[in-house]
Amino acid sequence: MNNINAKQVIDYAQLILQLAFYCKEKRSGTMLIISSDNHSIRFVLNDGVIIACAYTMTQGKDALVLVRGIKSGSFSFVDGGFTGGMNINESPLPSTREIFQILGLKSQSQTLSTEKVVSLIQKDHLIEVEKELSKYVGPMAEFICEEYIEDFGSPASSSDFSRMVNYIITNEIDDPIGQEKFKQSAMNIISNPSA
């Protein structure tokens, strides 16, 4: 089970873009948001489709309207089918596309900005993985990452980043202890899309 936690407080738009990122990645699990005014919000996803939403004790479409009122919060994501006592059948939701419209992600330009945010997250991941790699191969880290991208393309998803990490471990780090340490550090970076 993969748990992702972002302890820092981010604004409402970033929270919704993070939810969109999980949908785009076709994740299954629960995104828990704790708003800055201490309300609990849960979105349950199944293969990238939002199947349940709760705002404290309110569920379904009524909860979505309340979510729009939060200003900021922190979030975590737990892979798996956790619904936390929500009765999905009692509070049916509209389609995921309609949910994002209700949450304020309405226009095509906002959808494009979601892709830009995901791209920035990926760029940050590359920078962090490169910094981590430099601990093991020195200044060659930049060239190794550039070469990987030239040969295989820029990683666009968590699984792409995992492939990159495995490639680097296999081809660039000789020390088994260093391989394991780099893999753990890099996987932590990859597992936190808001890093």
N, C-alpha and C. Protein backbone atom coordinates (compact mmCIF):
# COMPACT_ATOMS: atom_id res chain seq x y z
N MET A 1 0.85 -1.18 0.00
CA MET A 1 0.00 0.00 0.00
C MET A 1 0.89 1.23 0.00
N ASN A 2 0.57 2.17 -0.87
CA ASN A 2 1.38 3.36 -1.04
C ASN A 2 0.64 4.55 -0.45
N ASN A 3 1.20 5.17 0.57
CA ASN A 3 0.60 6.35 1.18
C ASN A 3 1.37 7.58 0.76
N ILE A 4 0.66 8.61 0.37
CA ILE A 4 1.28 9.86 -0.03
C ILE A 4 0.75 10.95 0.88
N ASN A 5 1.66 11.70 1.49
CA ASN A 5 1.26 12.75 2.41
C ASN A 5 1.91 14.07 2.02
N ALA A 6 1.13 15.12 1.99
CA ALA A 6 1.66 16.46 1.80
C ALA A 6 1.25 17.27 3.02
N LYS A 7 2.17 17.46 3.92
CA LYS A 7 1.86 18.12 5.18
C LYS A 7 1.70 19.63 5.00
N GLN A 8 2.34 20.21 3.98
CA GLN A 8 2.24 21.65 3.82
C GLN A 8 0.84 22.03 3.35
N VAL A 9 0.40 23.20 3.73
CA VAL A 9 -0.91 23.70 3.34
C VAL A 9 -0.79 24.30 1.94
N ILE A 10 -1.71 23.90 1.06
CA ILE A 10 -1.75 24.44 -0.29
C ILE A 10 -3.15 25.02 -0.53
N ASP A 11 -3.26 25.91 -1.52
CA ASP A 11 -4.55 26.57 -1.72
C ASP A 11 -5.55 25.64 -2.42
N TYR A 12 -6.80 26.08 -2.44
CA TYR A 12 -7.90 25.29 -2.98
C TYR A 12 -7.61 24.83 -4.41
N ALA A 13 -7.18 25.75 -5.25
CA ALA A 13 -6.93 25.40 -6.66
C ALA A 13 -5.90 24.28 -6.78
N GLN A 14 -4.84 24.35 -5.97
CA GLN A 14 -3.81 23.30 -6.01
C GLN A 14 -4.36 21.97 -5.51
N LEU A 15 -5.23 22.01 -4.51
CA LEU A 15 -5.84 20.77 -4.03
C LEU A 15 -6.67 20.11 -5.13
N ILE A 16 -7.45 20.92 -5.84
CA ILE A 16 -8.29 20.37 -6.91
C ILE A 16 -7.43 19.88 -8.07
N LEU A 17 -6.35 20.59 -8.36
CA LEU A 17 -5.43 20.12 -9.41
C LEU A 17 -4.77 18.81 -8.99
N GLN A 18 -4.47 18.66 -7.70
CA GLN A 18 -3.89 17.41 -7.21
C GLN A 18 -4.90 16.27 -7.39
N LEU A 19 -6.17 16.53 -7.08
CA LEU A 19 -7.22 15.54 -7.31
C LEU A 19 -7.29 15.18 -8.80
N ALA A 20 -7.21 16.18 -9.66
CA ALA A 20 -7.21 15.94 -11.10
C ALA A 20 -6.02 15.09 -11.52
N PHE A 21 -4.86 15.32 -10.90
CA PHE A 21 -3.67 14.53 -11.17
C PHE A 21 -3.93 13.06 -10.85
N TYR A 22 -4.53 12.78 -9.69
CA TYR A 22 -4.82 11.39 -9.32
C TYR A 22 -5.80 10.76 -10.30
N CYS A 23 -6.79 11.53 -10.75
CA CYS A 23 -7.74 11.01 -11.73
C CYS A 23 -7.02 10.70 -13.05
N LYS A 24 -6.18 11.62 -13.47
CA LYS A 24 -5.44 11.43 -14.72
C LYS A 24 -4.53 10.19 -14.64
N GLU A 25 -3.96 9.94 -13.46
CA GLU A 25 -3.10 8.78 -13.25
C GLU A 25 -3.90 7.48 -13.06
N LYS A 26 -5.24 7.61 -13.08
CA LYS A 26 -6.15 6.47 -12.90
C LYS A 26 -5.90 5.74 -11.58
N ARG A 27 -5.74 6.53 -10.53
CA ARG A 27 -5.48 5.98 -9.20
C ARG A 27 -6.76 5.46 -8.57
N SER A 28 -6.60 4.50 -7.66
CA SER A 28 -7.69 3.99 -6.83
C SER A 28 -7.28 4.17 -5.39
N GLY A 29 -8.15 4.79 -4.62
CA GLY A 29 -7.86 5.04 -3.21
C GLY A 29 -8.62 6.25 -2.72
N THR A 30 -8.15 6.78 -1.60
CA THR A 30 -8.83 7.91 -0.98
C THR A 30 -7.89 9.10 -0.82
N MET A 31 -8.32 10.25 -1.31
CA MET A 31 -7.62 11.50 -1.06
C MET A 31 -8.32 12.16 0.11
N LEU A 32 -7.59 12.33 1.19
CA LEU A 32 -8.11 12.98 2.39
C LEU A 32 -7.54 14.39 2.44
N ILE A 33 -8.42 15.37 2.58
CA ILE A 33 -8.02 16.77 2.70
C ILE A 33 -8.44 17.25 4.08
N ILE A 34 -7.53 17.89 4.77
CA ILE A 34 -7.87 18.58 6.01
C ILE A 34 -7.77 20.06 5.69
N SER A 35 -8.92 20.73 5.72
CA SER A 35 -8.93 22.15 5.35
C SER A 35 -8.25 22.97 6.44
N SER A 36 -7.84 24.19 6.07
CA SER A 36 -7.15 25.06 7.03
C SER A 36 -8.06 25.43 8.20
N ASP A 37 -9.38 25.30 8.03
CA ASP A 37 -10.29 25.52 9.16
C ASP A 37 -10.74 24.20 9.79
N ASN A 38 -9.94 23.15 9.55
CA ASN A 38 -10.03 21.86 10.23
C ASN A 38 -11.27 21.02 9.88
N HIS A 39 -11.70 21.07 8.63
CA HIS A 39 -12.77 20.19 8.15
C HIS A 39 -12.13 19.03 7.39
N SER A 40 -12.75 17.87 7.47
CA SER A 40 -12.28 16.67 6.79
C SER A 40 -13.05 16.48 5.50
N ILE A 41 -12.32 16.35 4.39
CA ILE A 41 -12.92 16.12 3.09
C ILE A 41 -12.30 14.84 2.53
N ARG A 42 -13.13 13.94 1.99
CA ARG A 42 -12.62 12.70 1.40
C ARG A 42 -13.17 12.53 -0.01
N PHE A 43 -12.28 12.19 -0.92
CA PHE A 43 -12.65 11.80 -2.28
C PHE A 43 -12.18 10.37 -2.47
N VAL A 44 -13.09 9.49 -2.86
CA VAL A 44 -12.73 8.10 -3.12
C VAL A 44 -12.69 7.92 -4.63
N LEU A 45 -11.58 7.37 -5.12
CA LEU A 45 -11.37 7.16 -6.56
C LEU A 45 -11.27 5.67 -6.86
N ASN A 46 -11.81 5.30 -8.01
CA ASN A 46 -11.67 3.93 -8.51
C ASN A 46 -11.21 4.04 -9.96
N ASP A 47 -9.97 3.68 -10.23
CA ASP A 47 -9.37 3.80 -11.56
C ASP A 47 -9.52 5.21 -12.13
N GLY A 48 -9.33 6.22 -11.29
CA GLY A 48 -9.38 7.60 -11.73
C GLY A 48 -10.77 8.21 -11.77
N VAL A 49 -11.79 7.45 -11.43
CA VAL A 49 -13.16 7.94 -11.41
C VAL A 49 -13.53 8.25 -9.96
N ILE A 50 -14.05 9.44 -9.71
CA ILE A 50 -14.47 9.81 -8.36
C ILE A 50 -15.81 9.13 -8.10
N ILE A 51 -15.81 8.23 -7.10
CA ILE A 51 -17.02 7.46 -6.81
C ILE A 51 -17.71 7.89 -5.51
N ALA A 52 -17.01 8.67 -4.67
CA ALA A 52 -17.62 9.13 -3.42
C ALA A 52 -16.92 10.40 -2.96
N CYS A 53 -17.68 11.23 -2.26
CA CYS A 53 -17.14 12.46 -1.69
C CYS A 53 -17.86 12.72 -0.37
N ALA A 54 -17.09 13.14 0.62
CA ALA A 54 -17.68 13.51 1.90
C ALA A 54 -17.00 14.76 2.43
N TYR A 55 -17.79 15.65 3.00
CA TYR A 55 -17.30 16.85 3.68
C TYR A 55 -17.83 16.72 5.10
N THR A 56 -16.96 16.42 6.03
CA THR A 56 -17.32 16.02 7.39
C THR A 56 -18.41 14.96 7.29
N MET A 57 -19.65 15.22 7.71
CA MET A 57 -20.70 14.20 7.69
C MET A 57 -21.59 14.28 6.44
N THR A 58 -21.43 15.30 5.62
CA THR A 58 -22.23 15.46 4.42
C THR A 58 -21.60 14.68 3.28
N GLN A 59 -22.43 13.96 2.52
CA GLN A 59 -21.91 13.13 1.43
C GLN A 59 -22.55 13.49 0.10
N GLY A 60 -21.94 12.99 -0.96
CA GLY A 60 -22.50 13.14 -2.30
C GLY A 60 -22.38 14.54 -2.85
N LYS A 61 -23.35 14.90 -3.71
CA LYS A 61 -23.32 16.19 -4.39
C LYS A 61 -23.37 17.37 -3.41
N ASP A 62 -24.09 17.20 -2.30
CA ASP A 62 -24.14 18.26 -1.29
C ASP A 62 -22.76 18.55 -0.72
N ALA A 63 -21.95 17.50 -0.59
CA ALA A 63 -20.58 17.67 -0.07
C ALA A 63 -19.73 18.46 -1.06
N LEU A 64 -19.95 18.23 -2.35
CA LEU A 64 -19.16 18.94 -3.37
C LEU A 64 -19.36 20.44 -3.26
N VAL A 65 -20.59 20.86 -3.01
CA VAL A 65 -20.88 22.29 -2.87
C VAL A 65 -20.13 22.87 -1.67
N LEU A 66 -20.07 22.11 -0.58
CA LEU A 66 -19.35 22.57 0.61
C LEU A 66 -17.84 22.64 0.37
N VAL A 67 -17.31 21.69 -0.42
CA VAL A 67 -15.87 21.67 -0.72
C VAL A 67 -15.45 22.98 -1.36
N ARG A 68 -16.31 23.53 -2.21
CA ARG A 68 -15.99 24.80 -2.89
C ARG A 68 -15.70 25.92 -1.91
N GLY A 69 -16.16 25.80 -0.67
CA GLY A 69 -15.97 26.86 0.32
C GLY A 69 -14.63 26.84 1.03
N ILE A 70 -13.83 25.77 0.85
CA ILE A 70 -12.55 25.75 1.55
C ILE A 70 -11.56 26.66 0.83
N LYS A 71 -10.65 27.23 1.59
CA LYS A 71 -9.66 28.14 1.01
C LYS A 71 -8.31 27.44 0.79
N SER A 72 -7.96 26.53 1.71
CA SER A 72 -6.68 25.83 1.61
C SER A 72 -6.72 24.62 2.52
N GLY A 73 -5.69 23.79 2.42
CA GLY A 73 -5.61 22.61 3.28
C GLY A 73 -4.41 21.77 2.94
N SER A 74 -4.24 20.70 3.69
CA SER A 74 -3.20 19.71 3.40
C SER A 74 -3.91 18.43 2.98
N PHE A 75 -3.19 17.51 2.37
CA PHE A 75 -3.84 16.30 1.88
C PHE A 75 -2.94 15.09 2.08
N SER A 76 -3.57 13.93 2.00
CA SER A 76 -2.85 12.66 1.92
C SER A 76 -3.63 11.78 0.96
N PHE A 77 -2.95 10.78 0.43
CA PHE A 77 -3.60 9.83 -0.47
C PHE A 77 -3.24 8.43 -0.01
N VAL A 78 -4.25 7.58 0.13
CA VAL A 78 -4.04 6.20 0.52
C VAL A 78 -4.55 5.31 -0.60
N ASP A 79 -3.67 4.52 -1.18
CA ASP A 79 -4.08 3.59 -2.22
C ASP A 79 -4.99 2.53 -1.63
N GLY A 80 -5.98 2.11 -2.40
CA GLY A 80 -6.89 1.06 -1.96
C GLY A 80 -8.31 1.56 -1.95
N GLY A 81 -9.22 0.73 -1.53
CA GLY A 81 -10.63 1.03 -1.63
C GLY A 81 -11.27 1.58 -0.38
N PHE A 82 -10.58 2.33 0.43
CA PHE A 82 -11.11 2.84 1.69
C PHE A 82 -12.22 3.85 1.45
N THR A 83 -13.41 3.59 2.00
CA THR A 83 -14.51 4.55 1.90
C THR A 83 -14.83 5.17 3.25
N GLY A 84 -14.22 4.70 4.31
CA GLY A 84 -14.36 5.32 5.62
C GLY A 84 -15.79 5.50 6.09
N GLY A 85 -16.63 4.48 5.91
CA GLY A 85 -18.00 4.55 6.39
C GLY A 85 -18.96 5.26 5.44
N MET A 86 -18.49 5.74 4.30
CA MET A 86 -19.39 6.39 3.35
C MET A 86 -20.23 5.33 2.65
N ASN A 87 -21.51 5.61 2.47
CA ASN A 87 -22.38 4.72 1.72
C ASN A 87 -22.48 5.28 0.30
N ILE A 88 -21.73 4.68 -0.59
CA ILE A 88 -21.63 5.19 -1.96
C ILE A 88 -22.98 5.14 -2.66
N ASN A 89 -23.79 4.11 -2.40
CA ASN A 89 -25.08 3.96 -3.08
C ASN A 89 -26.11 4.98 -2.62
N GLU A 90 -26.03 5.44 -1.37
CA GLU A 90 -26.98 6.41 -0.84
C GLU A 90 -26.76 7.82 -1.39
N SER A 91 -25.52 8.13 -1.74
CA SER A 91 -25.16 9.48 -2.18
C SER A 91 -24.46 9.44 -3.52
N PRO A 92 -25.21 9.10 -4.60
CA PRO A 92 -24.55 9.00 -5.91
C PRO A 92 -24.02 10.36 -6.36
N LEU A 93 -22.94 10.29 -7.12
CA LEU A 93 -22.31 11.50 -7.63
C LEU A 93 -22.50 11.62 -9.14
N PRO A 94 -22.41 12.83 -9.67
CA PRO A 94 -22.38 12.99 -11.12
C PRO A 94 -21.05 12.44 -11.67
N SER A 95 -20.86 12.53 -12.96
CA SER A 95 -19.61 12.05 -13.57
C SER A 95 -18.42 12.84 -13.04
N THR A 96 -17.25 12.27 -13.17
CA THR A 96 -16.03 12.95 -12.71
C THR A 96 -15.86 14.30 -13.40
N ARG A 97 -16.17 14.36 -14.68
CA ARG A 97 -16.09 15.62 -15.43
C ARG A 97 -17.02 16.68 -14.81
N GLU A 98 -18.25 16.26 -14.49
CA GLU A 98 -19.20 17.19 -13.87
C GLU A 98 -18.75 17.59 -12.47
N ILE A 99 -18.13 16.66 -11.76
CA ILE A 99 -17.61 16.98 -10.43
C ILE A 99 -16.59 18.10 -10.52
N PHE A 100 -15.67 18.00 -11.49
CA PHE A 100 -14.67 19.05 -11.64
C PHE A 100 -15.31 20.38 -12.03
N GLN A 101 -16.40 20.34 -12.77
CA GLN A 101 -17.12 21.58 -13.09
C GLN A 101 -17.71 22.18 -11.81
N ILE A 102 -18.31 21.34 -10.98
CA ILE A 102 -18.87 21.82 -9.71
C ILE A 102 -17.77 22.40 -8.83
N LEU A 103 -16.60 21.76 -8.85
CA LEU A 103 -15.47 22.21 -8.01
C LEU A 103 -14.76 23.43 -8.59
N GLY A 104 -15.18 23.87 -9.76
CA GLY A 104 -14.63 25.11 -10.32
C GLY A 104 -13.60 24.92 -11.40
N LEU A 105 -13.36 23.70 -11.84
CA LEU A 105 -12.42 23.44 -12.93
C LEU A 105 -13.27 23.29 -14.19
N LYS A 106 -13.68 24.44 -14.77
CA LYS A 106 -14.71 24.43 -15.81
C LYS A 106 -14.17 24.52 -17.23
N SER A 107 -13.26 25.41 -17.46
CA SER A 107 -12.89 25.71 -18.84
C SER A 107 -11.74 24.86 -19.32
N GLN A 108 -11.61 24.81 -20.65
CA GLN A 108 -10.51 24.08 -21.27
C GLN A 108 -9.17 24.65 -20.83
N SER A 109 -9.10 25.98 -20.65
CA SER A 109 -7.84 26.60 -20.24
C SER A 109 -7.46 26.15 -18.83
N GLN A 110 -8.46 25.93 -17.96
CA GLN A 110 -8.14 25.42 -16.63
C GLN A 110 -7.68 23.98 -16.70
N THR A 111 -8.26 23.19 -17.62
CA THR A 111 -7.80 21.82 -17.81
C THR A 111 -6.35 21.83 -18.28
N LEU A 112 -6.04 22.74 -19.20
CA LEU A 112 -4.65 22.86 -19.65
C LEU A 112 -3.74 23.27 -18.51
N SER A 113 -4.23 24.14 -17.61
CA SER A 113 -3.39 24.53 -16.48
C SER A 113 -3.15 23.34 -15.56
N THR A 114 -4.10 22.39 -15.51
CA THR A 114 -3.87 21.16 -14.76
C THR A 114 -2.66 20.43 -15.34
N GLU A 115 -2.62 20.34 -16.68
CA GLU A 115 -1.49 19.67 -17.32
C GLU A 115 -0.19 20.42 -17.06
N LYS A 116 -0.24 21.75 -17.01
CA LYS A 116 0.96 22.52 -16.70
C LYS A 116 1.43 22.25 -15.28
N VAL A 117 0.49 22.17 -14.34
CA VAL A 117 0.87 21.88 -12.95
C VAL A 117 1.49 20.50 -12.87
N VAL A 118 0.88 19.51 -13.54
CA VAL A 118 1.45 18.16 -13.55
C VAL A 118 2.84 18.20 -14.15
N SER A 119 3.02 18.98 -15.23
CA SER A 119 4.34 19.11 -15.85
C SER A 119 5.34 19.73 -14.89
N LEU A 120 4.92 20.74 -14.13
CA LEU A 120 5.82 21.35 -13.14
C LEU A 120 6.18 20.36 -12.04
N ILE A 121 5.21 19.57 -11.63
CA ILE A 121 5.47 18.54 -10.62
C ILE A 121 6.53 17.58 -11.16
N GLN A 122 6.38 17.17 -12.42
CA GLN A 122 7.33 16.24 -13.02
C GLN A 122 8.71 16.87 -13.12
N LYS A 123 8.77 18.15 -13.48
CA LYS A 123 10.06 18.84 -13.57
C LYS A 123 10.72 18.90 -12.19
N ASP A 124 9.92 19.20 -11.15
CA ASP A 124 10.46 19.19 -9.79
C ASP A 124 10.98 17.82 -9.40
N HIS A 125 10.25 16.77 -9.79
CA HIS A 125 10.71 15.41 -9.52
C HIS A 125 12.06 15.15 -10.17
N LEU A 126 12.20 15.56 -11.43
CA LEU A 126 13.47 15.35 -12.14
C LEU A 126 14.62 16.05 -11.42
N ILE A 127 14.38 17.27 -11.00
CA ILE A 127 15.42 18.04 -10.30
C ILE A 127 15.81 17.34 -9.00
N GLU A 128 14.81 16.88 -8.25
CA GLU A 128 15.08 16.21 -6.97
C GLU A 128 15.78 14.87 -7.17
N VAL A 129 15.35 14.10 -8.17
CA VAL A 129 16.00 12.81 -8.46
C VAL A 129 17.45 13.06 -8.88
N GLU A 130 17.66 14.09 -9.69
CA GLU A 130 19.02 14.44 -10.11
C GLU A 130 19.90 14.82 -8.92
N LYS A 131 19.36 15.61 -7.99
CA LYS A 131 20.11 15.99 -6.78
C LYS A 131 20.47 14.74 -5.98
N GLU A 132 19.52 13.85 -5.84
CA GLU A 132 19.75 12.62 -5.08
C GLU A 132 20.82 11.77 -5.78
N LEU A 133 20.73 11.66 -7.09
CA LEU A 133 21.70 10.88 -7.86
C LEU A 133 23.11 11.45 -7.73
N SER A 134 23.22 12.77 -7.63
CA SER A 134 24.55 13.40 -7.53
C SER A 134 25.29 12.95 -6.27
N LYS A 135 24.58 12.48 -5.26
CA LYS A 135 25.23 11.95 -4.05
C LYS A 135 26.02 10.68 -4.35
N TYR A 136 25.65 10.00 -5.44
CA TYR A 136 26.26 8.71 -5.76
C TYR A 136 27.19 8.77 -6.98
N VAL A 137 26.92 9.71 -7.90
CA VAL A 137 27.75 9.76 -9.12
C VAL A 137 28.36 11.14 -9.35
N GLY A 138 28.16 12.05 -8.40
CA GLY A 138 28.74 13.38 -8.52
C GLY A 138 28.08 14.21 -9.61
N PRO A 139 28.86 15.10 -10.23
CA PRO A 139 28.30 16.03 -11.22
C PRO A 139 27.81 15.35 -12.50
N MET A 140 28.09 14.07 -12.66
CA MET A 140 27.60 13.35 -13.84
C MET A 140 26.08 13.15 -13.79
N ALA A 141 25.48 13.37 -12.64
CA ALA A 141 24.04 13.13 -12.48
C ALA A 141 23.22 13.89 -13.52
N GLU A 142 23.58 15.16 -13.74
CA GLU A 142 22.85 15.97 -14.72
C GLU A 142 22.90 15.33 -16.11
N PHE A 143 24.08 14.88 -16.50
CA PHE A 143 24.25 14.29 -17.83
C PHE A 143 23.53 12.95 -17.94
N ILE A 144 23.54 12.17 -16.86
CA ILE A 144 22.86 10.88 -16.85
C ILE A 144 21.36 11.08 -17.05
N CYS A 145 20.80 12.03 -16.33
CA CYS A 145 19.36 12.31 -16.46
C CYS A 145 19.03 12.83 -17.85
N GLU A 146 19.84 13.74 -18.37
CA GLU A 146 19.61 14.27 -19.72
C GLU A 146 19.69 13.16 -20.76
N GLU A 147 20.67 12.28 -20.61
CA GLU A 147 20.83 11.18 -21.56
C GLU A 147 19.63 10.24 -21.51
N TYR A 148 19.16 9.96 -20.30
CA TYR A 148 17.99 9.09 -20.17
C TYR A 148 16.80 9.72 -20.90
N ILE A 149 16.58 11.01 -20.71
CA ILE A 149 15.45 11.69 -21.34
C ILE A 149 15.60 11.71 -22.86
N GLU A 150 16.82 11.90 -23.35
CA GLU A 150 17.05 11.86 -24.79
C GLU A 150 16.73 10.48 -25.36
N ASP A 151 17.10 9.42 -24.63
CA ASP A 151 16.89 8.05 -25.12
C ASP A 151 15.46 7.55 -24.94
N PHE A 152 14.83 7.90 -23.81
CA PHE A 152 13.55 7.30 -23.46
C PHE A 152 12.40 8.31 -23.31
N GLY A 153 12.70 9.59 -23.38
CA GLY A 153 11.68 10.61 -23.19
C GLY A 153 11.55 11.02 -21.73
N SER A 154 10.93 12.16 -21.53
CA SER A 154 10.74 12.68 -20.17
C SER A 154 9.66 11.86 -19.46
N PRO A 155 9.91 11.45 -18.22
CA PRO A 155 8.90 10.68 -17.49
C PRO A 155 7.62 11.50 -17.31
N ALA A 156 6.49 10.89 -17.63
CA ALA A 156 5.21 11.60 -17.56
C ALA A 156 4.27 11.04 -16.49
N SER A 157 4.70 9.98 -15.81
CA SER A 157 3.85 9.39 -14.78
C SER A 157 4.74 8.77 -13.71
N SER A 158 4.13 8.34 -12.63
CA SER A 158 4.88 7.69 -11.55
C SER A 158 5.58 6.44 -12.06
N SER A 159 4.90 5.67 -12.91
CA SER A 159 5.53 4.45 -13.42
C SER A 159 6.72 4.78 -14.34
N ASP A 160 6.63 5.89 -15.10
CA ASP A 160 7.77 6.32 -15.91
C ASP A 160 8.96 6.70 -15.03
N PHE A 161 8.69 7.40 -13.93
CA PHE A 161 9.76 7.76 -13.00
C PHE A 161 10.38 6.51 -12.39
N SER A 162 9.54 5.54 -12.06
CA SER A 162 10.06 4.28 -11.49
C SER A 162 10.98 3.58 -12.48
N ARG A 163 10.58 3.56 -13.76
CA ARG A 163 11.45 2.97 -14.80
C ARG A 163 12.78 3.70 -14.88
N MET A 164 12.73 5.02 -14.81
CA MET A 164 13.95 5.82 -14.86
C MET A 164 14.86 5.47 -13.69
N VAL A 165 14.29 5.40 -12.49
CA VAL A 165 15.07 5.07 -11.29
C VAL A 165 15.71 3.70 -11.44
N ASN A 166 14.93 2.72 -11.89
CA ASN A 166 15.47 1.36 -12.07
C ASN A 166 16.57 1.33 -13.12
N TYR A 167 16.41 2.09 -14.18
CA TYR A 167 17.44 2.17 -15.22
C TYR A 167 18.74 2.74 -14.64
N ILE A 168 18.60 3.82 -13.89
CA ILE A 168 19.78 4.46 -13.29
C ILE A 168 20.47 3.52 -12.32
N ILE A 169 19.69 2.83 -11.50
CA ILE A 169 20.28 1.88 -10.54
C ILE A 169 21.06 0.80 -11.28
N THR A 170 20.46 0.26 -12.32
CA THR A 170 21.08 -0.84 -13.08
C THR A 170 22.34 -0.39 -13.81
N ASN A 171 22.33 0.82 -14.36
CA ASN A 171 23.40 1.23 -15.26
C ASN A 171 24.41 2.22 -14.69
N GLU A 172 24.10 2.86 -13.57
CA GLU A 172 24.97 3.95 -13.13
C GLU A 172 25.52 3.83 -11.71
N ILE A 173 24.87 3.07 -10.86
CA ILE A 173 25.33 2.96 -9.47
C ILE A 173 25.81 1.53 -9.23
N ASP A 174 27.09 1.38 -8.94
CA ASP A 174 27.68 0.05 -8.78
C ASP A 174 27.48 -0.53 -7.38
N ASP A 175 27.54 0.31 -6.37
CA ASP A 175 27.46 -0.13 -4.97
C ASP A 175 26.04 -0.56 -4.61
N PRO A 176 25.85 -1.83 -4.19
CA PRO A 176 24.50 -2.31 -3.83
C PRO A 176 23.84 -1.49 -2.71
N ILE A 177 24.60 -1.04 -1.75
CA ILE A 177 24.04 -0.22 -0.67
C ILE A 177 23.61 1.13 -1.23
N GLY A 178 24.45 1.71 -2.08
CA GLY A 178 24.11 2.97 -2.74
C GLY A 178 22.87 2.83 -3.62
N GLN A 179 22.78 1.69 -4.31
CA GLN A 179 21.60 1.43 -5.15
C GLN A 179 20.33 1.46 -4.31
N GLU A 180 20.37 0.75 -3.18
CA GLU A 180 19.19 0.67 -2.32
C GLU A 180 18.83 2.03 -1.72
N LYS A 181 19.85 2.78 -1.26
CA LYS A 181 19.59 4.10 -0.69
C LYS A 181 19.01 5.05 -1.73
N PHE A 182 19.60 5.04 -2.93
CA PHE A 182 19.10 5.91 -4.00
C PHE A 182 17.66 5.52 -4.35
N LYS A 183 17.40 4.22 -4.46
CA LYS A 183 16.06 3.77 -4.81
C LYS A 183 15.04 4.24 -3.78
N GLN A 184 15.35 4.09 -2.49
CA GLN A 184 14.43 4.53 -1.44
C GLN A 184 14.18 6.03 -1.51
N SER A 185 15.27 6.80 -1.63
CA SER A 185 15.12 8.26 -1.70
C SER A 185 14.34 8.70 -2.93
N ALA A 186 14.69 8.12 -4.07
CA ALA A 186 14.03 8.50 -5.31
C ALA A 186 12.55 8.12 -5.30
N MET A 187 12.23 6.95 -4.75
CA MET A 187 10.84 6.52 -4.69
C MET A 187 10.03 7.42 -3.75
N ASN A 188 10.66 7.91 -2.69
CA ASN A 188 9.98 8.87 -1.81
C ASN A 188 9.66 10.16 -2.56
N ILE A 189 10.61 10.61 -3.37
CA ILE A 189 10.39 11.81 -4.19
C ILE A 189 9.23 11.59 -5.15
N ILE A 190 9.25 10.45 -5.83
CA ILE A 190 8.23 10.14 -6.83
C ILE A 190 6.87 9.96 -6.20
N SER A 191 6.83 9.40 -5.00
CA SER A 191 5.55 9.11 -4.33
C SER A 191 4.86 10.35 -3.83
N ASN A 192 5.53 11.50 -3.84
CA ASN A 192 4.91 12.71 -3.33
C ASN A 192 4.76 13.72 -4.46
N PRO A 193 3.62 13.65 -5.20
CA PRO A 193 3.42 14.54 -6.33
C PRO A 193 3.43 16.01 -5.99
N SER A 194 3.29 16.36 -4.76
CA SER A 194 3.31 17.78 -4.42
C SER A 194 4.68 18.24 -3.98
N ALA A 195 5.67 17.36 -4.02
CA ALA A 195 7.00 17.72 -3.54
C ALA A 195 7.61 18.81 -4.37
